[in-house]
Structure formats: structure tokens, C-alpha cells
Amino acid sequence: MYNSGSFWNQIPQVTKNLIIVNVLMFLATLVNENFMVGTFAMFYPTSPFFHGWQPLTHMFMHGGIWHIFFNMYALLMFGSVLERALGTKRFLLFYFICGFGAVALHVGVQYLQVQHWLSHGLTQNYYDLIRTPMLGASGAIYGILIGFALLNPDAVLVLLFPPIPLKAKWWVIIFAVIELGTGITGTRIGIAHFAHLGGMLFGFLLMWMWKKQGKIWW
């Protein structure tokens, strides 16, 4: 007999629960966007909108249907594989460290921008920055992508866009180069490129540390 709930039941526990929390937060954002974004998205630490819980809660916020769709799709596809390989507790730790790493690099780059602007009298840029939220699970997701690629470098992936078959190790290199290039040049405004790079960096470092400790192999 066909079990309609079998696919959902086969999703590893942490991956499943992360998807549920993200979807619930997104639905709440649809109901009251101003409150949810102003309270739970990530603002620069000197912003009047900043709260101490935002480095955590911003990971569960999304700015639109496509934003959450692609993040949750990647979490489902690659997070499930990584969770089975790392185990439940280690995968949960990996996810949040990548998310916090994304915030760290993002805010670090913002700090350098602020110092430059204020030293040159560009105060309006600073005021714009402290009112601009950063939200999304993308930092943690990029960490998951590099974790997957380290464990399965030769796995051939065909993304939704572009639909080109390529090994996982090449995809992550391409993504990293694109994020670094667009982050430095300032193209594709409105995307936290350095948060993506932060997630990848911390994901790589954590996987490398676990490999050195003999906790994982690739």
C-alpha cells in the first residue's frame, strides 16, 4: 500500500524541524511583516532596531516566497544527506555555527564600511545601513552546500537554475567566486554576499577540524 506520508517521515529529524520552524516564521511574517522583520531580522549592532537574539532568529526569517523556497529546497536536498552523515547533534551544531559565522563576517564587513563612511563624512550611508535588515537561512545553507561538497565532491548535481550537470566540488567553487566578486564590486544590491561567504568559511573550517579529529572522513 502506498504511504502518502513516507517521504516526509524519511526526512531526518533536525532537517525536518528546521523546515517547519522556517515555514512557521514565514507565515507569521506574512501576517505582520513590520513586527516580524523589525524584531527578528538581523540589524547592525548599533541600530536602534538591534536585539541580542537577532543573530539567531534572523536564520528563520525570509523576505519572499522564492527566498524561502530555494533555501528550504537546498536544506531538504543537501541537509538531509549531511545530517545522515554527521549525525543529528553534530549536524545541528554545524547548522548554527555556519549561521553565526555568516553573521560574524557580514557584520565585520559592515563595520569596515561604517568606519570608512564616518571618516569621510558619509553619515547618510551609515544611517541607511543601520535601518537595513539582514534575514534568511542562506548563510547556514551555504555552509551545508560546502559540507555536502566536501563529503561528496564528485557527486554530479543538476540545479534548478541553471540546469547544468556539474560535480559538487565545482559548484561550490563557482558559488564562492560569484559571492566574493559580487560582494566586492557591490553588484546585486540587496543580497548579503559576505554572509554567504561567512557560512561557507565556517562550514569549511568546522568540517576540516572534524576531519583532523577523526570524527568524519572524506
C-alpha atoms as a PDB file:
ATOM      1  CA  MET A   1       0.000   0.000   0.000  1.00  0.00           C
ATOM      2  CA  TYR A   2       1.298   3.483  -0.853  1.00  0.00           C
ATOM      3  CA  ASN A   3       2.054   5.568   2.194  1.00  0.00           C
ATOM      4  CA  SER A   4       1.486   9.238   1.360  1.00  0.00           C
ATOM      5  CA  GLY A   5       3.430  10.313   4.433  1.00  0.00           C
ATOM      6  CA  SER A   6       6.519   8.193   3.777  1.00  0.00           C
ATOM      7  CA  PHE A   7       8.577  10.924   2.130  1.00  0.00           C
ATOM      8  CA  TRP A   8       8.022  13.367   4.994  1.00  0.00           C
ATOM      9  CA  ASN A   9       8.741  10.659   7.564  1.00  0.00           C
ATOM     10  CA  GLN A  10      12.048   9.820   5.877  1.00  0.00           C
ATOM     11  CA  ILE A  11      13.417  13.352   6.285  1.00  0.00           C
ATOM     12  CA  PRO A  12      15.983  13.423   9.132  1.00  0.00           C
ATOM     13  CA  GLN A  13      14.689  14.983  12.339  1.00  0.00           C
ATOM     14  CA  VAL A  14      16.767  18.164  12.511  1.00  0.00           C
ATOM     15  CA  THR A  15      16.288  18.975   8.832  1.00  0.00           C
ATOM     16  CA  LYS A  16      12.547  18.429   9.170  1.00  0.00           C
ATOM     17  CA  ASN A  17      12.229  20.612  12.266  1.00  0.00           C
ATOM     18  CA  LEU A  18      14.313  23.407  10.728  1.00  0.00           C
ATOM     19  CA  ILE A  19      12.000  23.428   7.718  1.00  0.00           C
ATOM     20  CA  ILE A  20       8.934  23.556   9.987  1.00  0.00           C
ATOM     21  CA  VAL A  21      10.273  26.479  12.033  1.00  0.00           C
ATOM     22  CA  ASN A  22      11.260  28.414   8.898  1.00  0.00           C
ATOM     23  CA  VAL A  23       7.831  27.924   7.346  1.00  0.00           C
ATOM     24  CA  LEU A  24       6.038  28.958  10.549  1.00  0.00           C
ATOM     25  CA  MET A  25       8.170  32.105  10.822  1.00  0.00           C
ATOM     26  CA  PHE A  26       7.463  32.911   7.181  1.00  0.00           C
ATOM     27  CA  LEU A  27       3.715  32.536   7.687  1.00  0.00           C
ATOM     28  CA  ALA A  28       3.933  34.828  10.720  1.00  0.00           C
ATOM     29  CA  THR A  29       5.820  37.344   8.574  1.00  0.00           C
ATOM     30  CA  LEU A  30       3.003  37.287   6.020  1.00  0.00           C
ATOM     31  CA  VAL A  31       0.592  38.178   8.818  1.00  0.00           C
ATOM     32  CA  ASN A  32       2.646  41.017  10.356  1.00  0.00           C
ATOM     33  CA  GLU A  33       5.740  41.809   8.315  1.00  0.00           C
ATOM     34  CA  ASN A  34       6.731  45.020  10.105  1.00  0.00           C
ATOM     35  CA  PHE A  35       6.744  43.397  13.534  1.00  0.00           C
ATOM     36  CA  MET A  36       8.486  40.187  12.448  1.00  0.00           C
ATOM     37  CA  VAL A  37      11.228  41.883  10.422  1.00  0.00           C
ATOM     38  CA  GLY A  38      11.746  44.677  12.945  1.00  0.00           C
ATOM     39  CA  THR A  39      12.002  42.185  15.800  1.00  0.00           C
ATOM     40  CA  PHE A  40      13.658  39.063  14.421  1.00  0.00           C
ATOM     41  CA  ALA A  41      15.728  40.077  11.365  1.00  0.00           C
ATOM     42  CA  MET A  42      19.395  40.992  11.909  1.00  0.00           C
ATOM     43  CA  PHE A  43      20.283  44.670  12.286  1.00  0.00           C
ATOM     44  CA  TYR A  44      23.703  46.226  12.741  1.00  0.00           C
ATOM     45  CA  PRO A  45      24.566  46.169  16.473  1.00  0.00           C
ATOM     46  CA  THR A  46      24.418  49.990  16.836  1.00  0.00           C
ATOM     47  CA  SER A  47      20.998  50.130  15.204  1.00  0.00           C
ATOM     48  CA  PRO A  48      18.046  51.095  17.420  1.00  0.00           C
ATOM     49  CA  PHE A  49      16.298  48.032  15.983  1.00  0.00           C
ATOM     50  CA  PHE A  50      19.001  45.587  17.118  1.00  0.00           C
ATOM     51  CA  HIS A  51      18.168  42.941  19.726  1.00  0.00           C
ATOM     52  CA  GLY A  52      20.509  40.343  21.195  1.00  0.00           C
ATOM     53  CA  TRP A  53      18.510  37.411  19.844  1.00  0.00           C
ATOM     54  CA  GLN A  54      18.716  38.528  16.201  1.00  0.00           C
ATOM     55  CA  PRO A  55      21.961  36.664  15.340  1.00  0.00           C
ATOM     56  CA  LEU A  56      19.893  33.513  15.944  1.00  0.00           C
ATOM     57  CA  THR A  57      16.400  34.468  14.813  1.00  0.00           C
ATOM     58  CA  HIS A  58      17.424  36.031  11.504  1.00  0.00           C
ATOM     59  CA  MET A  59      18.207  32.497  10.270  1.00  0.00           C
ATOM     60  CA  PHE A  60      14.481  31.695  10.328  1.00  0.00           C
ATOM     61  CA  MET A  61      13.315  34.834   8.526  1.00  0.00           C
ATOM     62  CA  HIS A  62      12.745  35.175   4.783  1.00  0.00           C
ATOM     63  CA  GLY A  63      11.861  38.042   2.502  1.00  0.00           C
ATOM     64  CA  GLY A  64       9.607  36.322  -0.007  1.00  0.00           C
ATOM     65  CA  ILE A  65       8.227  33.063  -1.325  1.00  0.00           C
ATOM     66  CA  TRP A  66      11.151  32.367  -3.660  1.00  0.00           C
ATOM     67  CA  HIS A  67      13.652  33.219  -0.957  1.00  0.00           C
ATOM     68  CA  ILE A  68      12.282  30.609   1.423  1.00  0.00           C
ATOM     69  CA  PHE A  69      11.539  28.110  -1.357  1.00  0.00           C
ATOM     70  CA  PHE A  70      15.119  27.898  -2.625  1.00  0.00           C
ATOM     71  CA  ASN A  71      16.588  27.865   0.883  1.00  0.00           C
ATOM     72  CA  MET A  72      14.264  25.117   2.089  1.00  0.00           C
ATOM     73  CA  TYR A  73      14.756  23.134  -1.112  1.00  0.00           C
ATOM     74  CA  ALA A  74      18.522  23.225  -0.582  1.00  0.00           C
ATOM     75  CA  LEU A  75      18.098  22.378   3.104  1.00  0.00           C
ATOM     76  CA  LEU A  76      15.955  19.384   2.202  1.00  0.00           C
ATOM     77  CA  MET A  77      18.187  18.102  -0.593  1.00  0.00           C
ATOM     78  CA  PHE A  78      21.630  18.667   0.924  1.00  0.00           C
ATOM     79  CA  GLY A  79      20.854  18.993   4.618  1.00  0.00           C
ATOM     80  CA  SER A  80      19.236  15.558   4.687  1.00  0.00           C
ATOM     81  CA  VAL A  81      22.371  13.968   3.248  1.00  0.00           C
ATOM     82  CA  LEU A  82      24.664  15.905   5.584  1.00  0.00           C
ATOM     83  CA  GLU A  83      22.575  15.128   8.668  1.00  0.00           C
ATOM     84  CA  ARG A  84      22.679  11.407   7.934  1.00  0.00           C
ATOM     85  CA  ALA A  85      26.461  11.611   7.519  1.00  0.00           C
ATOM     86  CA  LEU A  86      27.214  13.770  10.559  1.00  0.00           C
ATOM     87  CA  GLY A  87      24.507  12.608  12.925  1.00  0.00           C
ATOM     88  CA  THR A  88      21.721  14.648  14.494  1.00  0.00           C
ATOM     89  CA  LYS A  89      23.632  16.565  17.182  1.00  0.00           C
ATOM     90  CA  ARG A  90      26.676  17.333  15.065  1.00  0.00           C
ATOM     91  CA  PHE A  91      24.538  18.479  12.131  1.00  0.00           C
ATOM     92  CA  LEU A  92      22.534  20.828  14.370  1.00  0.00           C
ATOM     93  CA  LEU A  93      25.779  22.284  15.730  1.00  0.00           C
ATOM     94  CA  PHE A  94      27.118  22.613  12.179  1.00  0.00           C
ATOM     95  CA  TYR A  95      23.997  24.432  11.007  1.00  0.00           C
ATOM     96  CA  PHE A  96      24.054  27.057  13.741  1.00  0.00           C
ATOM     97  CA  ILE A  97      27.809  27.620  13.634  1.00  0.00           C
ATOM     98  CA  CYS A  98      27.525  28.299   9.896  1.00  0.00           C
ATOM     99  CA  GLY A  99      24.637  30.673  10.573  1.00  0.00           C
ATOM    100  CA  PHE A 100      26.541  32.527  13.293  1.00  0.00           C
ATOM    101  CA  GLY A 101      29.634  32.580  11.086  1.00  0.00           C
ATOM    102  CA  ALA A 102      27.579  34.220   8.367  1.00  0.00           C
ATOM    103  CA  VAL A 103      26.536  36.966  10.797  1.00  0.00           C
ATOM    104  CA  ALA A 104      30.107  37.435  12.014  1.00  0.00           C
ATOM    105  CA  LEU A 105      31.570  38.036   8.556  1.00  0.00           C
ATOM    106  CA  HIS A 106      28.591  40.125   7.440  1.00  0.00           C
ATOM    107  CA  VAL A 107      28.798  42.427  10.477  1.00  0.00           C
ATOM    108  CA  GLY A 108      32.589  42.523  10.252  1.00  0.00           C
ATOM    109  CA  VAL A 109      32.435  43.827   6.692  1.00  0.00           C
ATOM    110  CA  GLN A 110      29.718  46.282   7.709  1.00  0.00           C
ATOM    111  CA  TYR A 111      31.979  47.566  10.498  1.00  0.00           C
ATOM    112  CA  LEU A 112      34.735  48.309   7.975  1.00  0.00           C
ATOM    113  CA  GLN A 113      32.206  50.091   5.763  1.00  0.00           C
ATOM    114  CA  VAL A 114      30.952  52.173   8.677  1.00  0.00           C
ATOM    115  CA  GLN A 115      34.465  53.221   9.666  1.00  0.00           C
ATOM    116  CA  HIS A 116      35.170  54.297   6.088  1.00  0.00           C
ATOM    117  CA  TRP A 117      31.901  56.214   5.741  1.00  0.00           C
ATOM    118  CA  LEU A 118      32.175  58.041   9.056  1.00  0.00           C
ATOM    119  CA  SER A 119      35.802  59.003   8.427  1.00  0.00           C
ATOM    120  CA  HIS A 120      34.728  60.564   5.121  1.00  0.00           C
ATOM    121  CA  GLY A 121      31.601  62.253   6.437  1.00  0.00           C
ATOM    122  CA  LEU A 122      29.215  59.881   4.655  1.00  0.00           C
ATOM    123  CA  THR A 123      26.785  59.738   7.561  1.00  0.00           C
ATOM    124  CA  GLN A 124      23.738  59.095   5.375  1.00  0.00           C
ATOM    125  CA  ASN A 125      25.251  55.787   4.264  1.00  0.00           C
ATOM    126  CA  TYR A 126      25.613  54.814   7.909  1.00  0.00           C
ATOM    127  CA  TYR A 127      22.025  55.776   8.752  1.00  0.00           C
ATOM    128  CA  ASP A 128      20.799  53.760   5.778  1.00  0.00           C
ATOM    129  CA  LEU A 129      22.835  50.740   6.922  1.00  0.00           C
ATOM    130  CA  ILE A 130      21.532  50.662  10.492  1.00  0.00           C
ATOM    131  CA  ARG A 131      17.959  50.627   9.154  1.00  0.00           C
ATOM    132  CA  THR A 132      18.571  47.784   6.705  1.00  0.00           C
ATOM    133  CA  PRO A 133      17.816  44.252   7.983  1.00  0.00           C
ATOM    134  CA  MET A 134      19.591  41.065   7.011  1.00  0.00           C
ATOM    135  CA  LEU A 135      17.443  37.950   7.026  1.00  0.00           C
ATOM    136  CA  GLY A 136      17.399  34.405   5.745  1.00  0.00           C
ATOM    137  CA  ALA A 137      18.851  30.953   6.259  1.00  0.00           C
ATOM    138  CA  SER A 138      21.216  31.397   3.320  1.00  0.00           C
ATOM    139  CA  GLY A 139      24.392  31.643   5.413  1.00  0.00           C
ATOM    140  CA  ALA A 140      23.699  28.283   7.059  1.00  0.00           C
ATOM    141  CA  ILE A 141      22.583  26.850   3.706  1.00  0.00           C
ATOM    142  CA  TYR A 142      25.846  27.844   2.022  1.00  0.00           C
ATOM    143  CA  GLY A 143      27.647  26.115   4.870  1.00  0.00           C
ATOM    144  CA  ILE A 144      25.603  22.995   4.188  1.00  0.00           C
ATOM    145  CA  LEU A 145      26.492  23.182   0.492  1.00  0.00           C
ATOM    146  CA  ILE A 146      30.217  23.199   1.192  1.00  0.00           C
ATOM    147  CA  GLY A 147      29.793  20.457   3.799  1.00  0.00           C
ATOM    148  CA  PHE A 148      27.989  18.320   1.240  1.00  0.00           C
ATOM    149  CA  ALA A 149      30.663  19.014  -1.378  1.00  0.00           C
ATOM    150  CA  LEU A 150      33.474  18.047   0.975  1.00  0.00           C
ATOM    151  CA  LEU A 151      31.822  14.727   1.755  1.00  0.00           C
ATOM    152  CA  ASN A 152      30.622  14.106  -1.816  1.00  0.00           C
ATOM    153  CA  PRO A 153      32.982  16.088  -4.097  1.00  0.00           C
ATOM    154  CA  ASP A 154      32.294  14.033  -7.211  1.00  0.00           C
ATOM    155  CA  ALA A 155      28.503  13.892  -6.847  1.00  0.00           C
ATOM    156  CA  VAL A 156      27.013  15.303 -10.042  1.00  0.00           C
ATOM    157  CA  LEU A 157      24.397  17.955  -9.335  1.00  0.00           C
ATOM    158  CA  VAL A 158      21.864  19.476 -11.691  1.00  0.00           C
ATOM    159  CA  LEU A 159      20.484  22.617 -10.075  1.00  0.00           C
ATOM    160  CA  LEU A 160      17.054  24.057 -10.711  1.00  0.00           C
ATOM    161  CA  PHE A 161      18.827  27.053 -12.221  1.00  0.00           C
ATOM    162  CA  PRO A 162      20.994  26.746 -14.182  1.00  0.00           C
ATOM    163  CA  PRO A 163      20.105  23.136 -15.140  1.00  0.00           C
ATOM    164  CA  ILE A 164      23.713  22.208 -15.913  1.00  0.00           C
ATOM    165  CA  PRO A 165      25.231  18.919 -14.619  1.00  0.00           C
ATOM    166  CA  LEU A 166      28.427  19.582 -12.692  1.00  0.00           C
ATOM    167  CA  LYS A 167      30.307  17.976  -9.826  1.00  0.00           C
ATOM    168  CA  ALA A 168      29.566  19.342  -6.361  1.00  0.00           C
ATOM    169  CA  LYS A 169      33.162  20.499  -5.789  1.00  0.00           C
ATOM    170  CA  TRP A 170      32.990  22.744  -8.854  1.00  0.00           C
ATOM    171  CA  TRP A 171      29.598  24.163  -7.937  1.00  0.00           C
ATOM    172  CA  VAL A 172      30.782  25.352  -4.521  1.00  0.00           C
ATOM    173  CA  ILE A 173      33.886  26.946  -6.036  1.00  0.00           C
ATOM    174  CA  ILE A 174      31.718  28.748  -8.588  1.00  0.00           C
ATOM    175  CA  PHE A 175      29.330  29.927  -5.873  1.00  0.00           C
ATOM    176  CA  ALA A 176      32.195  31.163  -3.706  1.00  0.00           C
ATOM    177  CA  VAL A 177      33.781  33.096  -6.575  1.00  0.00           C
ATOM    178  CA  ILE A 178      30.443  34.651  -7.546  1.00  0.00           C
ATOM    179  CA  GLU A 179      29.674  35.703  -3.964  1.00  0.00           C
ATOM    180  CA  LEU A 180      33.154  37.163  -3.457  1.00  0.00           C
ATOM    181  CA  GLY A 181      33.075  39.008  -6.768  1.00  0.00           C
ATOM    182  CA  THR A 182      29.595  40.444  -6.304  1.00  0.00           C
ATOM    183  CA  GLY A 183      30.328  41.302  -2.677  1.00  0.00           C
ATOM    184  CA  ILE A 184      33.471  43.250  -3.523  1.00  0.00           C
ATOM    185  CA  THR A 185      32.041  45.020  -6.565  1.00  0.00           C
ATOM    186  CA  GLY A 186      28.725  45.808  -4.908  1.00  0.00           C
ATOM    187  CA  THR A 187      26.651  44.324  -7.707  1.00  0.00           C
ATOM    188  CA  ARG A 188      23.382  42.542  -6.964  1.00  0.00           C
ATOM    189  CA  ILE A 189      22.466  45.011  -4.220  1.00  0.00           C
ATOM    190  CA  GLY A 190      20.165  43.683  -1.512  1.00  0.00           C
ATOM    191  CA  ILE A 191      21.921  40.336  -1.115  1.00  0.00           C
ATOM    192  CA  ALA A 192      24.226  39.668   1.858  1.00  0.00           C
ATOM    193  CA  HIS A 193      27.085  38.173  -0.152  1.00  0.00           C
ATOM    194  CA  PHE A 194      29.556  38.196   2.715  1.00  0.00           C
ATOM    195  CA  ALA A 195      27.043  36.370   4.912  1.00  0.00           C
ATOM    196  CA  HIS A 196      27.005  33.605   2.307  1.00  0.00           C
ATOM    197  CA  LEU A 197      30.808  33.551   2.295  1.00  0.00           C
ATOM    198  CA  GLY A 198      30.838  33.505   6.105  1.00  0.00           C
ATOM    199  CA  GLY A 199      28.622  30.424   6.142  1.00  0.00           C
ATOM    200  CA  MET A 200      30.884  28.692   3.635  1.00  0.00           C
ATOM    201  CA  LEU A 201      34.050  29.666   5.509  1.00  0.00           C
ATOM    202  CA  PHE A 202      32.846  28.446   8.890  1.00  0.00           C
ATOM    203  CA  GLY A 203      31.369  25.325   7.323  1.00  0.00           C
ATOM    204  CA  PHE A 204      34.711  24.515   5.707  1.00  0.00           C
ATOM    205  CA  LEU A 205      36.679  25.174   8.898  1.00  0.00           C
ATOM    206  CA  LEU A 206      34.358  23.065  11.016  1.00  0.00           C
ATOM    207  CA  MET A 207      34.428  20.142   8.594  1.00  0.00           C
ATOM    208  CA  TRP A 208      38.210  20.380   8.360  1.00  0.00           C
ATOM    209  CA  MET A 209      38.527  20.393  12.159  1.00  0.00           C
ATOM    210  CA  TRP A 210      36.300  17.332  12.474  1.00  0.00           C
ATOM    211  CA  LYS A 211      38.353  15.577   9.804  1.00  0.00           C
ATOM    212  CA  LYS A 212      41.575  16.334  11.693  1.00  0.00           C
ATOM    213  CA  GLN A 213      39.988  14.966  14.870  1.00  0.00           C
ATOM    214  CA  GLY A 214      38.994  11.784  13.053  1.00  0.00           C
ATOM    215  CA  LYS A 215      35.273  12.396  13.526  1.00  0.00           C
ATOM    216  CA  ILE A 216      34.467  12.387   9.813  1.00  0.00           C
ATOM    217  CA  TRP A 217      36.180  11.135   6.658  1.00  0.00           C
ATOM    218  CA  TRP A 218      36.235  12.226   3.054  1.00  0.00           C
END
